[in-house]
Amino acid sequence: MWEVLEKRNISKQLAKAPKEIIKKYEFWKNVACTDGPKGLRMLKGFKDHSLKGEWAGSRASRLSQQWRVIYVVQKKQLNILVLEVNPHDYRKKG
């Protein structure tokens, strides 16, 4: 069983998101908790992929055409740390 951890700003980012994105994110979290990163990669709709450049070492899953979840896998602790939920802007903030 995997644990999904969220950075503090995730709730603010989700407050700005449409309701269907929030529902899709909750489904994403459920898959991540039960099946981990392998389960996210198996579901083609998420188009889960690794990132390059500033985000090297992170992964992203598609919630819609525009919205993404950016996260890091911590395999030793079976944790998935959600860094951002945003409308497809991979530039690091801060």
N, C-alpha and C. Protein backbone atom coordinates (compact mmCIF):
# COMPACT_ATOMS: atom_id res chain seq x y z
N MET A 1 0.84 -1.18 0.00
CA MET A 1 0.00 0.00 0.00
C MET A 1 0.89 1.25 0.00
N TRP A 2 0.63 2.12 -0.91
CA TRP A 2 1.38 3.37 -1.04
C TRP A 2 0.68 4.49 -0.28
N GLU A 3 1.43 5.47 0.15
CA GLU A 3 0.86 6.64 0.81
C GLU A 3 1.10 7.86 -0.08
N VAL A 4 0.03 8.63 -0.30
CA VAL A 4 0.14 9.85 -1.11
C VAL A 4 0.24 11.04 -0.16
N LEU A 5 1.35 11.75 -0.24
CA LEU A 5 1.58 12.94 0.57
C LEU A 5 1.45 14.16 -0.34
N GLU A 6 0.97 15.27 0.21
CA GLU A 6 0.78 16.48 -0.58
C GLU A 6 1.53 17.64 0.05
N LYS A 7 2.17 18.44 -0.79
CA LYS A 7 2.77 19.67 -0.29
C LYS A 7 1.66 20.59 0.19
N ARG A 8 2.01 21.56 1.01
CA ARG A 8 1.01 22.45 1.61
C ARG A 8 0.15 23.21 0.60
N ASN A 9 0.74 23.58 -0.51
CA ASN A 9 0.03 24.43 -1.47
C ASN A 9 -0.97 23.67 -2.35
N ILE A 10 -1.04 22.35 -2.24
CA ILE A 10 -1.93 21.57 -3.10
C ILE A 10 -3.39 21.93 -2.87
N SER A 11 -3.79 22.14 -1.64
CA SER A 11 -5.20 22.48 -1.38
C SER A 11 -5.57 23.82 -2.02
N LYS A 12 -4.65 24.78 -2.04
CA LYS A 12 -4.91 26.06 -2.71
C LYS A 12 -5.02 25.87 -4.22
N GLN A 13 -4.15 25.03 -4.77
CA GLN A 13 -4.19 24.78 -6.21
C GLN A 13 -5.49 24.08 -6.59
N LEU A 14 -5.94 23.14 -5.78
CA LEU A 14 -7.18 22.43 -6.07
C LEU A 14 -8.40 23.33 -5.90
N ALA A 15 -8.32 24.32 -5.02
CA ALA A 15 -9.43 25.26 -4.84
C ALA A 15 -9.69 26.06 -6.11
N LYS A 16 -8.66 26.23 -6.93
CA LYS A 16 -8.78 26.98 -8.19
C LYS A 16 -9.19 26.08 -9.36
N ALA A 17 -9.17 24.77 -9.12
CA ALA A 17 -9.44 23.81 -10.20
C ALA A 17 -10.94 23.57 -10.36
N PRO A 18 -11.36 23.24 -11.58
CA PRO A 18 -12.77 22.86 -11.81
C PRO A 18 -13.12 21.58 -11.06
N LYS A 19 -14.41 21.37 -10.80
CA LYS A 19 -14.87 20.21 -10.03
C LYS A 19 -14.47 18.89 -10.67
N GLU A 20 -14.54 18.81 -12.01
CA GLU A 20 -14.19 17.55 -12.66
C GLU A 20 -12.70 17.21 -12.49
N ILE A 21 -11.87 18.23 -12.36
CA ILE A 21 -10.43 18.00 -12.12
C ILE A 21 -10.23 17.48 -10.70
N ILE A 22 -10.96 18.02 -9.76
CA ILE A 22 -10.87 17.56 -8.37
C ILE A 22 -11.30 16.09 -8.28
N LYS A 23 -12.38 15.73 -8.97
CA LYS A 23 -12.83 14.33 -8.98
C LYS A 23 -11.78 13.42 -9.61
N LYS A 24 -11.20 13.86 -10.71
CA LYS A 24 -10.18 13.06 -11.39
C LYS A 24 -8.93 12.93 -10.51
N TYR A 25 -8.59 14.00 -9.78
CA TYR A 25 -7.44 13.94 -8.86
C TYR A 25 -7.70 12.94 -7.74
N GLU A 26 -8.91 12.92 -7.21
CA GLU A 26 -9.26 11.96 -6.15
C GLU A 26 -9.15 10.52 -6.69
N PHE A 27 -9.58 10.31 -7.93
CA PHE A 27 -9.42 8.99 -8.56
C PHE A 27 -7.94 8.66 -8.72
N TRP A 28 -7.14 9.64 -9.15
CA TRP A 28 -5.70 9.47 -9.32
C TRP A 28 -5.07 9.05 -8.00
N LYS A 29 -5.45 9.74 -6.90
CA LYS A 29 -4.92 9.41 -5.57
C LYS A 29 -5.28 7.98 -5.18
N ASN A 30 -6.50 7.57 -5.46
CA ASN A 30 -6.95 6.22 -5.13
C ASN A 30 -6.11 5.18 -5.86
N VAL A 31 -5.87 5.39 -7.15
CA VAL A 31 -5.03 4.47 -7.93
C VAL A 31 -3.60 4.48 -7.37
N ALA A 32 -3.08 5.67 -7.07
CA ALA A 32 -1.72 5.79 -6.55
C ALA A 32 -1.57 5.06 -5.21
N CYS A 33 -2.58 5.16 -4.35
CA CYS A 33 -2.53 4.48 -3.04
C CYS A 33 -2.57 2.96 -3.19
N THR A 34 -3.41 2.47 -4.05
CA THR A 34 -3.57 1.02 -4.15
C THR A 34 -2.50 0.35 -5.01
N ASP A 35 -2.14 0.97 -6.14
CA ASP A 35 -1.23 0.32 -7.09
C ASP A 35 0.10 1.03 -7.29
N GLY A 36 0.27 2.21 -6.71
CA GLY A 36 1.52 2.94 -6.83
C GLY A 36 1.79 3.44 -8.24
N PRO A 37 3.02 3.82 -8.52
CA PRO A 37 3.37 4.37 -9.83
C PRO A 37 3.11 3.40 -10.99
N LYS A 38 3.27 2.11 -10.74
CA LYS A 38 3.02 1.12 -11.79
C LYS A 38 1.56 1.17 -12.24
N GLY A 39 0.65 1.31 -11.30
CA GLY A 39 -0.78 1.41 -11.62
C GLY A 39 -1.09 2.67 -12.41
N LEU A 40 -0.41 3.77 -12.08
CA LEU A 40 -0.63 5.03 -12.81
C LEU A 40 -0.16 4.90 -14.25
N ARG A 41 0.94 4.19 -14.46
CA ARG A 41 1.46 4.00 -15.82
C ARG A 41 0.57 3.07 -16.63
N MET A 42 -0.10 2.13 -15.96
CA MET A 42 -0.96 1.17 -16.66
C MET A 42 -2.23 1.81 -17.22
N LEU A 43 -2.72 2.84 -16.56
CA LEU A 43 -3.93 3.52 -17.04
C LEU A 43 -3.54 4.53 -18.11
N LYS A 44 -3.82 4.22 -19.35
CA LYS A 44 -3.38 5.03 -20.50
C LYS A 44 -3.90 6.47 -20.45
N GLY A 45 -5.07 6.70 -19.87
CA GLY A 45 -5.66 8.03 -19.83
C GLY A 45 -4.84 9.04 -19.06
N PHE A 46 -4.06 8.58 -18.08
CA PHE A 46 -3.22 9.50 -17.31
C PHE A 46 -1.96 9.92 -18.07
N LYS A 47 -1.57 9.14 -19.07
CA LYS A 47 -0.36 9.42 -19.86
C LYS A 47 0.81 9.78 -18.94
N ASP A 48 1.01 8.96 -17.93
CA ASP A 48 2.05 9.18 -16.93
C ASP A 48 3.44 9.11 -17.58
N HIS A 49 4.28 10.08 -17.26
CA HIS A 49 5.61 10.14 -17.87
C HIS A 49 6.60 10.86 -16.96
N SER A 50 7.89 10.58 -17.18
CA SER A 50 8.94 11.26 -16.42
C SER A 50 9.20 12.63 -17.05
N LEU A 51 9.71 13.54 -16.23
CA LEU A 51 9.97 14.90 -16.69
C LEU A 51 11.47 15.13 -16.83
N LYS A 52 11.82 16.13 -17.60
CA LYS A 52 13.23 16.49 -17.84
C LYS A 52 13.47 17.92 -17.38
N GLY A 53 14.71 18.35 -17.53
CA GLY A 53 15.06 19.75 -17.23
C GLY A 53 14.97 20.05 -15.75
N GLU A 54 14.32 21.18 -15.41
CA GLU A 54 14.19 21.60 -14.01
C GLU A 54 13.47 20.55 -13.17
N TRP A 55 12.58 19.79 -13.79
CA TRP A 55 11.78 18.80 -13.08
C TRP A 55 12.35 17.40 -13.15
N ALA A 56 13.60 17.24 -13.56
CA ALA A 56 14.22 15.91 -13.67
C ALA A 56 14.07 15.15 -12.35
N GLY A 57 13.67 13.91 -12.43
CA GLY A 57 13.44 13.09 -11.24
C GLY A 57 11.98 13.07 -10.82
N SER A 58 11.18 13.94 -11.41
CA SER A 58 9.74 14.00 -11.12
C SER A 58 8.97 13.32 -12.24
N ARG A 59 7.70 13.08 -11.98
CA ARG A 59 6.81 12.49 -12.97
C ARG A 59 5.56 13.35 -13.08
N ALA A 60 4.81 13.19 -14.16
CA ALA A 60 3.56 13.92 -14.35
C ALA A 60 2.49 12.97 -14.87
N SER A 61 1.26 13.19 -14.44
CA SER A 61 0.10 12.47 -14.95
C SER A 61 -0.90 13.49 -15.44
N ARG A 62 -1.59 13.16 -16.50
CA ARG A 62 -2.58 14.05 -17.10
C ARG A 62 -3.94 13.83 -16.43
N LEU A 63 -4.54 14.90 -15.94
CA LEU A 63 -5.90 14.83 -15.40
C LEU A 63 -6.92 15.24 -16.46
N SER A 64 -6.48 16.07 -17.39
CA SER A 64 -7.30 16.49 -18.53
C SER A 64 -6.33 16.96 -19.61
N GLN A 65 -6.88 17.51 -20.67
CA GLN A 65 -6.02 18.03 -21.73
C GLN A 65 -5.07 19.09 -21.18
N GLN A 66 -5.54 19.86 -20.19
CA GLN A 66 -4.75 20.97 -19.65
C GLN A 66 -4.11 20.68 -18.30
N TRP A 67 -4.81 20.04 -17.38
CA TRP A 67 -4.36 19.89 -15.99
C TRP A 67 -3.46 18.68 -15.78
N ARG A 68 -2.42 18.87 -14.95
CA ARG A 68 -1.44 17.82 -14.64
C ARG A 68 -1.21 17.70 -13.14
N VAL A 69 -0.80 16.51 -12.72
CA VAL A 69 -0.30 16.27 -11.37
C VAL A 69 1.19 16.02 -11.52
N ILE A 70 2.00 16.77 -10.80
CA ILE A 70 3.44 16.56 -10.81
C ILE A 70 3.82 15.97 -9.46
N TYR A 71 4.58 14.87 -9.49
CA TYR A 71 4.88 14.17 -8.25
C TYR A 71 6.26 13.51 -8.29
N VAL A 72 6.72 13.09 -7.12
CA VAL A 72 7.98 12.38 -6.96
C VAL A 72 7.68 11.07 -6.24
N VAL A 73 8.34 10.00 -6.67
CA VAL A 73 8.17 8.69 -6.04
C VAL A 73 9.31 8.47 -5.06
N GLN A 74 8.96 8.15 -3.82
CA GLN A 74 9.94 7.82 -2.79
C GLN A 74 9.77 6.32 -2.50
N LYS A 75 10.50 5.50 -3.26
CA LYS A 75 10.29 4.04 -3.23
C LYS A 75 10.58 3.39 -1.89
N LYS A 76 11.61 3.86 -1.19
CA LYS A 76 11.98 3.20 0.07
C LYS A 76 10.86 3.27 1.10
N GLN A 77 10.14 4.41 1.13
CA GLN A 77 9.05 4.57 2.10
C GLN A 77 7.68 4.26 1.49
N LEU A 78 7.64 3.87 0.21
CA LEU A 78 6.39 3.67 -0.52
C LEU A 78 5.51 4.93 -0.46
N ASN A 79 6.14 6.08 -0.69
CA ASN A 79 5.44 7.36 -0.69
C ASN A 79 5.40 7.96 -2.09
N ILE A 80 4.34 8.67 -2.37
CA ILE A 80 4.24 9.49 -3.57
C ILE A 80 3.99 10.90 -3.08
N LEU A 81 4.92 11.81 -3.34
CA LEU A 81 4.81 13.19 -2.88
C LEU A 81 4.31 14.05 -4.03
N VAL A 82 3.10 14.59 -3.89
CA VAL A 82 2.52 15.44 -4.92
C VAL A 82 3.10 16.85 -4.76
N LEU A 83 3.77 17.33 -5.80
CA LEU A 83 4.39 18.64 -5.76
C LEU A 83 3.45 19.73 -6.24
N GLU A 84 2.71 19.47 -7.31
CA GLU A 84 1.81 20.47 -7.88
C GLU A 84 0.65 19.81 -8.62
N VAL A 85 -0.47 20.52 -8.64
CA VAL A 85 -1.59 20.21 -9.52
C VAL A 85 -1.84 21.52 -10.25
N ASN A 86 -1.52 21.55 -11.53
CA ASN A 86 -1.60 22.83 -12.24
C ASN A 86 -2.07 22.66 -13.67
N PRO A 87 -2.45 23.78 -14.28
CA PRO A 87 -2.86 23.74 -15.69
C PRO A 87 -1.65 23.75 -16.62
N HIS A 88 -0.96 22.62 -16.73
CA HIS A 88 0.15 22.35 -17.65
C HIS A 88 1.15 23.48 -17.76
N ASP A 89 1.79 23.78 -16.64
CA ASP A 89 2.85 24.77 -16.59
C ASP A 89 4.00 24.13 -15.83
N TYR A 90 4.98 23.62 -16.55
CA TYR A 90 6.06 22.87 -15.91
C TYR A 90 7.19 23.76 -15.38
N ARG A 91 7.03 25.06 -15.43
CA ARG A 91 8.07 25.92 -14.87
C ARG A 91 8.03 25.83 -13.35
N LYS A 92 9.18 25.66 -12.72
CA LYS A 92 9.23 25.60 -11.26
C LYS A 92 8.92 26.96 -10.68
N LYS A 93 8.17 26.95 -9.60
CA LYS A 93 7.83 28.18 -8.91
C LYS A 93 8.58 28.22 -7.59
N GLY A 94 9.31 29.29 -7.38
CA GLY A 94 10.02 29.45 -6.11
C GLY A 94 11.20 28.66 -5.93
